[in-house]
PDB file of N, CA and C in Angstrom:
ATOM      1  N   MET A   1      14.138   6.184   1.791  1.00  0.00           N
ATOM      2  CA  MET A   1      13.410   5.206   2.582  1.00  0.00           C
ATOM      3  C   MET A   1      12.685   4.266   1.629  1.00  0.00           C
ATOM      4  N   ASN A   2      12.833   2.984   1.854  1.00  0.00           N
ATOM      5  CA  ASN A   2      12.123   1.990   1.059  1.00  0.00           C
ATOM      6  C   ASN A   2      10.996   1.389   1.882  1.00  0.00           C
ATOM      7  N   LEU A   3       9.819   1.321   1.292  1.00  0.00           N
ATOM      8  CA  LEU A   3       8.655   0.742   1.955  1.00  0.00           C
ATOM      9  C   LEU A   3       8.089  -0.357   1.074  1.00  0.00           C
ATOM     10  N   ASN A   4       7.537  -1.379   1.678  1.00  0.00           N
ATOM     11  CA  ASN A   4       6.852  -2.439   0.937  1.00  0.00           C
ATOM     12  C   ASN A   4       5.399  -2.042   0.759  1.00  0.00           C
ATOM     13  N   ALA A   5       4.882  -2.275  -0.435  1.00  0.00           N
ATOM     14  CA  ALA A   5       3.488  -1.963  -0.728  1.00  0.00           C
ATOM     15  C   ALA A   5       2.767  -3.231  -1.157  1.00  0.00           C
ATOM     16  N   VAL A   6       1.482  -3.272  -0.877  1.00  0.00           N
ATOM     17  CA  VAL A   6       0.618  -4.371  -1.295  1.00  0.00           C
ATOM     18  C   VAL A   6      -0.418  -3.781  -2.249  1.00  0.00           C
ATOM     19  N   ILE A   7      -0.590  -4.432  -3.389  1.00  0.00           N
ATOM     20  CA  ILE A   7      -1.588  -3.976  -4.359  1.00  0.00           C
ATOM     21  C   ILE A   7      -2.531  -5.138  -4.631  1.00  0.00           C
ATOM     22  N   GLU A   8      -3.816  -4.882  -4.448  1.00  0.00           N
ATOM     23  CA  GLU A   8      -4.854  -5.893  -4.647  1.00  0.00           C
ATOM     24  C   GLU A   8      -5.925  -5.334  -5.568  1.00  0.00           C
ATOM     25  N   ARG A   9      -6.717  -6.201  -6.175  1.00  0.00           N
ATOM     26  CA  ARG A   9      -7.845  -5.756  -7.000  1.00  0.00           C
ATOM     27  C   ARG A   9      -9.127  -5.870  -6.174  1.00  0.00           C
ATOM     28  N   ASP A  10      -9.877  -4.776  -6.117  1.00  0.00           N
ATOM     29  CA  ASP A  10     -11.190  -4.778  -5.471  1.00  0.00           C
ATOM     30  C   ASP A  10     -12.157  -5.416  -6.463  1.00  0.00           C
ATOM     31  N   LEU A  11     -12.679  -6.582  -6.135  1.00  0.00           N
ATOM     32  CA  LEU A  11     -13.539  -7.300  -7.067  1.00  0.00           C
ATOM     33  C   LEU A  11     -14.862  -6.592  -7.331  1.00  0.00           C
ATOM     34  N   ALA A  12     -15.315  -5.776  -6.403  1.00  0.00           N
ATOM     35  CA  ALA A  12     -16.578  -5.058  -6.592  1.00  0.00           C
ATOM     36  C   ALA A  12     -16.431  -3.909  -7.590  1.00  0.00           C
ATOM     37  N   THR A  13     -15.295  -3.215  -7.553  1.00  0.00           N
ATOM     38  CA  THR A  13     -15.105  -2.040  -8.418  1.00  0.00           C
ATOM     39  C   THR A  13     -14.147  -2.296  -9.569  1.00  0.00           C
ATOM     40  N   GLY A  14     -13.310  -3.327  -9.454  1.00  0.00           N
ATOM     41  CA  GLY A  14     -12.308  -3.592 -10.466  1.00  0.00           C
ATOM     42  C   GLY A  14     -11.064  -2.733 -10.331  1.00  0.00           C
ATOM     43  N   LEU A  15     -11.080  -1.790  -9.381  1.00  0.00           N
ATOM     44  CA  LEU A  15      -9.924  -0.915  -9.175  1.00  0.00           C
ATOM     45  C   LEU A  15      -8.838  -1.631  -8.395  1.00  0.00           C
ATOM     46  N   LEU A  16      -7.607  -1.185  -8.601  1.00  0.00           N
ATOM     47  CA  LEU A  16      -6.486  -1.682  -7.815  1.00  0.00           C
ATOM     48  C   LEU A  16      -6.388  -0.845  -6.556  1.00  0.00           C
ATOM     49  N   VAL A  17      -6.159  -1.486  -5.438  1.00  0.00           N
ATOM     50  CA  VAL A  17      -6.067  -0.811  -4.150  1.00  0.00           C
ATOM     51  C   VAL A  17      -4.680  -1.090  -3.583  1.00  0.00           C
ATOM     52  N   GLY A  18      -3.947  -0.025  -3.282  1.00  0.00           N
ATOM     53  CA  GLY A  18      -2.605  -0.169  -2.749  1.00  0.00           C
ATOM     54  C   GLY A  18      -2.514   0.344  -1.334  1.00  0.00           C
ATOM     55  N   SER A  19      -1.693  -0.335  -0.544  1.00  0.00           N
ATOM     56  CA  SER A  19      -1.471   0.089   0.833  1.00  0.00           C
ATOM     57  C   SER A  19      -0.056  -0.258   1.244  1.00  0.00           C
ATOM     58  N   VAL A  20       0.386   0.374   2.312  1.00  0.00           N
ATOM     59  CA  VAL A  20       1.687   0.077   2.888  1.00  0.00           C
ATOM     60  C   VAL A  20       1.421  -0.542   4.252  1.00  0.00           C
ATOM     61  N   PRO A  21       1.717  -1.853   4.402  1.00  0.00           N
ATOM     62  CA  PRO A  21       1.462  -2.514   5.681  1.00  0.00           C
ATOM     63  C   PRO A  21       2.145  -1.784   6.838  1.00  0.00           C
ATOM     64  N   GLY A  22       1.394  -1.609   7.912  1.00  0.00           N
ATOM     65  CA  GLY A  22       1.930  -0.943   9.092  1.00  0.00           C
ATOM     66  C   GLY A  22       1.739   0.554   9.096  1.00  0.00           C
ATOM     67  N   ASN A  23       1.283   1.128   7.971  1.00  0.00           N
ATOM     68  CA  ASN A  23       1.047   2.573   7.875  1.00  0.00           C
ATOM     69  C   ASN A  23      -0.418   2.807   7.525  1.00  0.00           C
ATOM     70  N   PRO A  24      -1.278   2.948   8.514  1.00  0.00           N
ATOM     71  CA  PRO A  24      -2.709   3.042   8.263  1.00  0.00           C
ATOM     72  C   PRO A  24      -3.119   4.189   7.339  1.00  0.00           C
ATOM     73  N   GLY A  25      -2.383   5.284   7.300  1.00  0.00           N
ATOM     74  CA  GLY A  25      -2.754   6.408   6.449  1.00  0.00           C
ATOM     75  C   GLY A  25      -2.238   6.298   5.035  1.00  0.00           C
ATOM     76  N   ALA A  26      -1.495   5.248   4.736  1.00  0.00           N
ATOM     77  CA  ALA A  26      -0.852   5.120   3.433  1.00  0.00           C
ATOM     78  C   ALA A  26      -1.602   4.121   2.561  1.00  0.00           C
ATOM     79  N   HIS A  27      -2.622   4.624   1.867  1.00  0.00           N
ATOM     80  CA  HIS A  27      -3.370   3.780   0.943  1.00  0.00           C
ATOM     81  C   HIS A  27      -3.945   4.628  -0.187  1.00  0.00           C
ATOM     82  N   THR A  28      -4.205   3.989  -1.316  1.00  0.00           N
ATOM     83  CA  THR A  28      -4.747   4.683  -2.475  1.00  0.00           C
ATOM     84  C   THR A  28      -5.363   3.663  -3.416  1.00  0.00           C
ATOM     85  N   GLN A  29      -5.970   4.140  -4.492  1.00  0.00           N
ATOM     86  CA  GLN A  29      -6.524   3.239  -5.495  1.00  0.00           C
ATOM     87  C   GLN A  29      -6.327   3.836  -6.878  1.00  0.00           C
ATOM     88  N   GLY A  30      -6.401   2.989  -7.895  1.00  0.00           N
ATOM     89  CA  GLY A  30      -6.228   3.459  -9.260  1.00  0.00           C
ATOM     90  C   GLY A  30      -6.529   2.356 -10.249  1.00  0.00           C
ATOM     91  N   GLU A  31      -6.412   2.689 -11.524  1.00  0.00           N
ATOM     92  CA  GLU A  31      -6.744   1.740 -12.582  1.00  0.00           C
ATOM     93  C   GLU A  31      -5.542   0.956 -13.085  1.00  0.00           C
ATOM     94  N   SER A  32      -4.321   1.363 -12.702  1.00  0.00           N
ATOM     95  CA  SER A  32      -3.127   0.643 -13.148  1.00  0.00           C
ATOM     96  C   SER A  32      -2.136   0.523 -11.985  1.00  0.00           C
ATOM     97  N   ILE A  33      -1.255  -0.456 -12.100  1.00  0.00           N
ATOM     98  CA  ILE A  33      -0.248  -0.648 -11.060  1.00  0.00           C
ATOM     99  C   ILE A  33       0.638   0.589 -10.961  1.00  0.00           C
ATOM    100  N   GLU A  34       1.032   1.138 -12.103  1.00  0.00           N
ATOM    101  CA  GLU A  34       1.911   2.312 -12.083  1.00  0.00           C
ATOM    102  C   GLU A  34       1.232   3.504 -11.405  1.00  0.00           C
ATOM    103  N   LYS A  35      -0.060   3.718 -11.663  1.00  0.00           N
ATOM    104  CA  LYS A  35      -0.796   4.815 -11.019  1.00  0.00           C
ATOM    105  C   LYS A  35      -0.839   4.611  -9.505  1.00  0.00           C
ATOM    106  N   VAL A  36      -1.097   3.390  -9.072  1.00  0.00           N
ATOM    107  CA  VAL A  36      -1.152   3.098  -7.636  1.00  0.00           C
ATOM    108  C   VAL A  36       0.230   3.298  -7.011  1.00  0.00           C
ATOM    109  N   ARG A  37       1.273   2.822  -7.682  1.00  0.00           N
ATOM    110  CA  ARG A  37       2.647   2.993  -7.161  1.00  0.00           C
ATOM    111  C   ARG A  37       2.999   4.471  -7.016  1.00  0.00           C
ATOM    112  N   THR A  38       2.677   5.253  -8.045  1.00  0.00           N
ATOM    113  CA  THR A  38       2.975   6.687  -8.010  1.00  0.00           C
ATOM    114  C   THR A  38       2.206   7.376  -6.894  1.00  0.00           C
ATOM    115  N   SER A  39       0.929   7.068  -6.787  1.00  0.00           N
ATOM    116  CA  SER A  39       0.102   7.684  -5.744  1.00  0.00           C
ATOM    117  C   SER A  39       0.561   7.291  -4.347  1.00  0.00           C
ATOM    118  N   LEU A  40       0.927   6.021  -4.172  1.00  0.00           N
ATOM    119  CA  LEU A  40       1.412   5.572  -2.862  1.00  0.00           C
ATOM    120  C   LEU A  40       2.708   6.282  -2.487  1.00  0.00           C
ATOM    121  N   ALA A  41       3.590   6.461  -3.457  1.00  0.00           N
ATOM    122  CA  ALA A  41       4.843   7.179  -3.181  1.00  0.00           C
ATOM    123  C   ALA A  41       4.542   8.614  -2.752  1.00  0.00           C
ATOM    124  N   GLU A  42       3.614   9.276  -3.440  1.00  0.00           N
ATOM    125  CA  GLU A  42       3.246  10.649  -3.090  1.00  0.00           C
ATOM    126  C   GLU A  42       2.639  10.727  -1.696  1.00  0.00           C
ATOM    127  N   VAL A  43       1.743   9.793  -1.376  1.00  0.00           N
ATOM    128  CA  VAL A  43       1.107   9.771  -0.051  1.00  0.00           C
ATOM    129  C   VAL A  43       2.166   9.609   1.036  1.00  0.00           C
ATOM    130  N   ASN A  44       3.089   8.676   0.821  1.00  0.00           N
ATOM    131  CA  ASN A  44       4.119   8.435   1.829  1.00  0.00           C
ATOM    132  C   ASN A  44       5.090   9.597   1.951  1.00  0.00           C
ATOM    133  N   GLU A  45       5.395  10.278   0.852  1.00  0.00           N
ATOM    134  CA  GLU A  45       6.248  11.466   0.920  1.00  0.00           C
ATOM    135  C   GLU A  45       5.580  12.560   1.750  1.00  0.00           C
ATOM    136  N   LEU A  46       4.273  12.759   1.534  1.00  0.00           N
ATOM    137  CA  LEU A  46       3.540  13.753   2.326  1.00  0.00           C
ATOM    138  C   LEU A  46       3.519  13.382   3.802  1.00  0.00           C
ATOM    139  N   LEU A  47       3.259  12.112   4.096  1.00  0.00           N
ATOM    140  CA  LEU A  47       3.250  11.671   5.492  1.00  0.00           C
ATOM    141  C   LEU A  47       4.619  11.871   6.129  1.00  0.00           C
ATOM    142  N   LEU A  48       5.680  11.590   5.382  1.00  0.00           N
ATOM    143  CA  LEU A  48       7.036  11.763   5.896  1.00  0.00           C
ATOM    144  C   LEU A  48       7.326  13.233   6.178  1.00  0.00           C
ATOM    145  N   GLU A  49       6.944  14.115   5.244  1.00  0.00           N
ATOM    146  CA  GLU A  49       7.158  15.560   5.415  1.00  0.00           C
ATOM    147  C   GLU A  49       6.415  16.101   6.631  1.00  0.00           C
ATOM    148  N   GLU A  50       5.222  15.560   6.885  1.00  0.00           N
ATOM    149  CA  GLU A  50       4.398  16.032   7.999  1.00  0.00           C
ATOM    150  C   GLU A  50       4.770  15.354   9.322  1.00  0.00           C
ATOM    151  N   GLY A  51       5.709  14.438   9.280  1.00  0.00           N
ATOM    152  CA  GLY A  51       6.084  13.707  10.492  1.00  0.00           C
ATOM    153  C   GLY A  51       5.056  12.686  10.908  1.00  0.00           C
ATOM    154  N   ALA A  52       4.168  12.318   9.984  1.00  0.00           N
ATOM    155  CA  ALA A  52       3.083  11.396  10.303  1.00  0.00           C
ATOM    156  C   ALA A  52       3.349   9.983   9.812  1.00  0.00           C
ATOM    157  N   LEU A  53       4.505   9.752   9.201  1.00  0.00           N
ATOM    158  CA  LEU A  53       4.839   8.413   8.733  1.00  0.00           C
ATOM    159  C   LEU A  53       5.482   7.655   9.886  1.00  0.00           C
ATOM    160  N   GLN A  54       4.634   6.975  10.634  1.00  0.00           N
ATOM    161  CA  GLN A  54       5.080   6.254  11.825  1.00  0.00           C
ATOM    162  C   GLN A  54       4.573   4.824  11.752  1.00  0.00           C
ATOM    163  N   PRO A  55       5.367   3.923  11.155  1.00  0.00           N
ATOM    164  CA  PRO A  55       4.930   2.538  10.996  1.00  0.00           C
ATOM    165  C   PRO A  55       4.530   1.897  12.323  1.00  0.00           C
ATOM    166  N   GLU A  56       3.453   1.128  12.266  1.00  0.00           N
ATOM    167  CA  GLU A  56       2.969   0.410  13.441  1.00  0.00           C
ATOM    168  C   GLU A  56       3.449  -1.033  13.445  1.00  0.00           C
ATOM    169  N   SER A  57       3.954  -1.499  12.314  1.00  0.00           N
ATOM    170  CA  SER A  57       4.464  -2.864  12.223  1.00  0.00           C
ATOM    171  C   SER A  57       5.484  -2.918  11.098  1.00  0.00           C
ATOM    172  N   GLU A  58       6.127  -4.078  10.958  1.00  0.00           N
ATOM    173  CA  GLU A  58       7.137  -4.270   9.923  1.00  0.00           C
ATOM    174  C   GLU A  58       6.683  -5.380   8.985  1.00  0.00           C
ATOM    175  N   PHE A  59       6.662  -5.087   7.688  1.00  0.00           N
ATOM    176  CA  PHE A  59       6.302  -6.095   6.687  1.00  0.00           C
ATOM    177  C   PHE A  59       7.357  -7.190   6.672  1.00  0.00           C
ATOM    178  N   ILE A  60       6.923  -8.450   6.678  1.00  0.00           N
ATOM    179  CA  ILE A  60       7.852  -9.573   6.699  1.00  0.00           C
ATOM    180  C   ILE A  60       7.775 -10.370   5.396  1.00  0.00           C
ATOM    181  N   ALA A  61       6.593 -10.837   5.009  1.00  0.00           N
ATOM    182  CA  ALA A  61       6.505 -11.699   3.833  1.00  0.00           C
ATOM    183  C   ALA A  61       5.058 -11.908   3.412  1.00  0.00           C
ATOM    184  N   THR A  62       4.892 -12.455   2.223  1.00  0.00           N
ATOM    185  CA  THR A  62       3.605 -12.998   1.812  1.00  0.00           C
ATOM    186  C   THR A  62       3.793 -14.501   1.696  1.00  0.00           C
ATOM    187  N   THR A  63       2.715 -15.238   1.753  1.00  0.00           N
ATOM    188  CA  THR A  63       2.811 -16.691   1.675  1.00  0.00           C
ATOM    189  C   THR A  63       1.557 -17.247   0.993  1.00  0.00           C
ATOM    190  N   MET A  64       1.690 -18.395   0.364  1.00  0.00           N
ATOM    191  CA  MET A  64       0.583 -19.069  -0.305  1.00  0.00           C
ATOM    192  C   MET A  64      -0.035 -20.061   0.670  1.00  0.00           C
ATOM    193  N   LEU A  65      -1.348 -20.077   0.763  1.00  0.00           N
ATOM    194  CA  LEU A  65      -2.061 -21.015   1.637  1.00  0.00           C
ATOM    195  C   LEU A  65      -2.909 -21.946   0.784  1.00  0.00           C
ATOM    196  N   ALA A  66      -2.915 -23.206   1.112  1.00  0.00           N
ATOM    197  CA  ALA A  66      -3.800 -24.175   0.457  1.00  0.00           C
ATOM    198  C   ALA A  66      -5.028 -24.346   1.331  1.00  0.00           C
ATOM    199  N   VAL A  67      -6.190 -24.082   0.770  1.00  0.00           N
ATOM    200  CA  VAL A  67      -7.453 -24.219   1.514  1.00  0.00           C
ATOM    201  C   VAL A  67      -8.281 -25.275   0.820  1.00  0.00           C
ATOM    202  N   ALA A  68      -8.642 -26.301   1.565  1.00  0.00           N
ATOM    203  CA  ALA A  68      -9.379 -27.433   0.977  1.00  0.00           C
ATOM    204  C   ALA A  68     -10.848 -27.129   0.798  1.00  0.00           C
TER     205      ALA A  68
END
């Protein structure tokens, strides 16, 4: 199963925060992209094993917005 993940930097803590859109229980944080990717994969594997990986939406795209 392939899932799309979003990784952002929390400006208050400096940590990277990863989540899987549409899966409220699938999120984690870490100091590197690789750590966040690994942790997110583990979280999603556990959710899948427990039958709790039930997406609420489907990731479509990201887009750039110009704000004046």
